[in-house]
């Protein structure tokens, strides 16, 4: 009987320590990855500003080609939206919120599974026949200390997807 009590006390103490430690982790996150693409900014911009083209280069679309995707709003540019449902990639919605042709694209992302909202951005900096593309995302997971662990690991979780997406985008944009 004492063994059970000690085991429960130890488990409770560990759980309490995990929750308490979460309060000391930041709730905000930021993820950014860059690559240089040997293509003009205009060509890269066209691949990003049209939601239907994301399925060809984003890591999410490549992992689940059967995901259910729906589009609304204009076909490209500010106000273009798409949402997805997937068994492996969960579900979510992206809306392009601001565009500066051939320079910047900003979007709002909502992932209901985590009740997560974030802001993402593509920055295109063209120089000498090549374009540096920087894909970034930032957000806040809120006050739940367990979600602070999500914010803490976000760079590792999402960073790989950004790297894969940028590599695919590079391959598409550098095709003649």
Protein backbone atom coordinates (compact mmCIF):
# COMPACT_ATOMS: atom_id res chain seq x y z
CA UNK A 1 0.00 0.00 0.00
CA UNK A 2 2.85 2.39 0.83
CA UNK A 3 4.41 1.64 -2.58
CA UNK A 4 1.22 2.82 -4.34
CA UNK A 5 1.09 5.98 -2.22
CA UNK A 6 4.74 6.77 -2.91
CA UNK A 7 4.27 6.07 -6.61
CA UNK A 8 1.22 8.36 -6.80
CA UNK A 9 3.07 11.06 -4.86
CA UNK A 10 6.07 10.81 -7.22
CA UNK A 11 3.87 10.95 -10.32
CA UNK A 12 1.96 13.92 -8.90
CA UNK A 13 5.20 15.73 -8.06
CA UNK A 14 6.60 15.15 -11.54
CA UNK A 15 3.36 16.36 -13.17
CA UNK A 16 3.34 19.46 -10.97
CA UNK A 17 6.99 20.15 -11.83
CA UNK A 18 6.24 19.88 -15.57
CA UNK A 19 3.34 22.32 -15.31
CA UNK A 20 5.35 24.70 -13.10
CA UNK A 21 8.32 24.64 -15.50
CA UNK A 22 5.95 25.55 -18.36
CA UNK A 23 5.28 28.90 -16.68
CA UNK A 24 8.97 29.77 -17.14
CA UNK A 25 8.98 29.00 -20.86
CA UNK A 26 8.02 31.76 -23.31
CA UNK A 27 4.56 31.77 -24.86
CA UNK A 28 5.80 33.53 -28.00
CA UNK A 29 7.58 31.81 -30.85
CA UNK A 30 9.34 32.79 -34.03
CA UNK A 31 10.56 30.55 -36.84
CA UNK A 32 12.55 31.73 -39.85
CA UNK A 33 14.41 30.01 -42.66
CA UNK A 34 16.09 31.44 -45.78
CA UNK A 35 17.47 30.21 -49.05
CA UNK A 36 18.92 31.78 -52.17
CA UNK A 37 17.10 30.94 -55.39
CA UNK A 38 18.67 31.57 -58.79
CA UNK A 39 15.53 33.09 -60.24
CA UNK A 40 13.98 36.55 -60.42
CA UNK A 41 11.78 37.64 -57.50
CA UNK A 42 8.80 37.91 -59.88
CA UNK A 43 8.89 34.19 -60.70
CA UNK A 44 9.12 33.20 -57.02
CA UNK A 45 6.42 35.68 -56.00
CA UNK A 46 4.03 34.14 -58.55
CA UNK A 47 4.53 30.69 -56.96
CA UNK A 48 3.75 32.01 -53.46
CA UNK A 49 0.97 34.53 -54.08
CA UNK A 50 -1.39 31.95 -55.62
CA UNK A 51 -2.71 29.51 -52.99
CA UNK A 52 -3.37 26.70 -55.47
CA UNK A 53 0.36 26.55 -56.24
CA UNK A 54 1.35 25.96 -52.59
CA UNK A 55 0.34 22.30 -52.91
CA UNK A 56 3.17 21.84 -55.44
CA UNK A 57 5.95 23.12 -53.18
CA UNK A 58 4.86 23.15 -49.53
CA UNK A 59 6.01 20.29 -47.32
CA UNK A 60 2.44 19.80 -46.04
CA UNK A 61 0.95 19.23 -49.47
CA UNK A 62 3.70 16.80 -50.42
CA UNK A 63 3.26 14.76 -47.22
CA UNK A 64 -0.47 14.33 -47.86
CA UNK A 65 -1.36 14.76 -51.55
CA UNK A 66 -4.87 13.51 -50.73
CA UNK A 67 -5.64 16.30 -48.25
CA UNK A 68 -8.95 18.04 -48.76
CA UNK A 69 -8.24 21.64 -49.77
CA UNK A 70 -10.79 24.36 -50.48
CA UNK A 71 -10.16 27.87 -51.76
CA UNK A 72 -12.11 31.10 -51.31
CA UNK A 73 -11.71 34.78 -52.02
CA UNK A 74 -9.71 35.99 -55.00
CA UNK A 75 -7.57 33.39 -56.81
CA UNK A 76 -4.33 35.16 -55.75
CA UNK A 77 -3.08 38.13 -53.78
CA UNK A 78 -4.50 39.84 -50.73
CA UNK A 79 -7.66 38.16 -49.46
CA UNK A 80 -6.94 34.79 -51.12
CA UNK A 81 -7.76 32.02 -48.64
CA UNK A 82 -7.52 28.29 -48.41
CA UNK A 83 -8.30 25.73 -45.81
CA UNK A 84 -7.36 22.09 -45.52
CA UNK A 85 -8.34 18.95 -43.68
CA UNK A 86 -5.99 16.01 -43.49
CA UNK A 87 -5.55 12.85 -41.47
CA UNK A 88 -1.80 13.46 -41.15
CA UNK A 89 -1.53 17.27 -41.35
CA UNK A 90 -4.59 18.11 -39.19
CA UNK A 91 -6.53 21.07 -40.53
CA UNK A 92 -6.19 24.79 -40.80
CA UNK A 93 -6.71 27.96 -42.76
CA UNK A 94 -4.38 30.50 -44.35
CA UNK A 95 -5.34 33.94 -45.65
CA UNK A 96 -2.99 36.26 -47.51
CA UNK A 97 -3.33 39.51 -45.58
CA UNK A 98 -0.82 41.80 -47.28
CA UNK A 99 1.17 41.65 -50.50
CA UNK A 100 3.84 43.84 -51.99
CA UNK A 101 4.44 42.46 -55.50
CA UNK A 102 7.81 40.77 -55.92
CA UNK A 103 8.91 41.79 -52.38
CA UNK A 104 6.67 40.61 -49.53
CA UNK A 105 3.71 38.36 -48.81
CA UNK A 106 2.15 38.20 -45.35
CA UNK A 107 -0.46 35.69 -44.19
CA UNK A 108 -2.54 34.74 -41.18
CA UNK A 109 -2.58 31.08 -40.16
CA UNK A 110 -5.10 29.36 -37.92
CA UNK A 111 -4.71 25.75 -36.76
CA UNK A 112 -7.80 24.71 -34.74
CA UNK A 113 -6.22 21.50 -33.38
CA UNK A 114 -3.85 23.63 -31.28
CA UNK A 115 -6.13 26.70 -31.22
CA UNK A 116 -3.09 28.45 -32.68
CA UNK A 117 -3.00 31.70 -34.61
CA UNK A 118 0.18 33.02 -36.13
CA UNK A 119 1.42 35.49 -38.70
CA UNK A 120 3.70 34.36 -41.50
CA UNK A 121 5.71 36.25 -44.06
CA UNK A 122 7.78 35.70 -47.18
CA UNK A 123 10.43 38.33 -47.90
CA UNK A 124 12.00 38.37 -51.36
CA UNK A 125 15.29 40.26 -51.73
CA UNK A 126 16.61 40.18 -55.29
CA UNK A 127 20.28 40.85 -55.96
CA UNK A 128 22.46 40.07 -58.98
CA UNK A 129 20.19 37.52 -60.66
CA UNK A 130 19.33 35.62 -57.50
CA UNK A 131 16.70 36.12 -54.82
CA UNK A 132 17.04 35.52 -51.09
CA UNK A 133 13.71 34.14 -49.86
CA UNK A 134 13.04 34.31 -46.12
CA UNK A 135 10.00 32.48 -44.76
CA UNK A 136 9.08 33.40 -41.22
CA UNK A 137 6.26 32.84 -38.78
CA UNK A 138 5.54 34.17 -35.31
CA UNK A 139 2.79 33.87 -32.78
CA UNK A 140 1.77 33.40 -29.18
CA UNK A 141 0.35 30.17 -27.73
CA UNK A 142 -1.34 31.92 -24.81
CA UNK A 143 -1.12 31.47 -21.06
CA UNK A 144 -1.52 27.68 -20.83
CA UNK A 145 1.85 26.53 -19.42
CA UNK A 146 1.65 23.20 -21.28
CA UNK A 147 1.33 25.05 -24.61
CA UNK A 148 4.51 26.93 -23.75
CA UNK A 149 6.33 23.67 -24.51
CA UNK A 150 4.82 23.86 -28.01
CA UNK A 151 6.21 27.40 -28.42
CA UNK A 152 9.58 26.22 -27.09
CA UNK A 153 9.81 23.46 -29.74
CA UNK A 154 8.14 25.36 -32.61
CA UNK A 155 11.40 26.19 -34.37
CA UNK A 156 12.35 22.51 -34.48
CA UNK A 157 8.83 21.37 -35.48
CA UNK A 158 8.02 23.96 -38.15
CA UNK A 159 11.57 24.79 -39.21
CA UNK A 160 11.95 21.45 -41.00
CA UNK A 161 8.73 22.12 -42.93
CA UNK A 162 9.98 25.58 -43.92
CA UNK A 163 13.31 24.12 -45.07
CA UNK A 164 11.55 21.45 -47.14
CA UNK A 165 9.12 23.96 -48.61
CA UNK A 166 11.89 26.36 -49.55
CA UNK A 167 13.88 23.54 -51.16
CA UNK A 168 10.82 22.57 -53.22
CA UNK A 169 10.14 26.22 -54.09
CA UNK A 170 13.77 26.58 -55.19
CA UNK A 171 13.54 23.51 -57.42
CA UNK A 172 10.35 24.80 -59.06
CA UNK A 173 11.59 28.38 -59.51
CA UNK A 174 14.97 27.38 -60.95
CA UNK A 175 13.41 25.24 -63.68
CA UNK A 176 13.78 26.92 -67.08
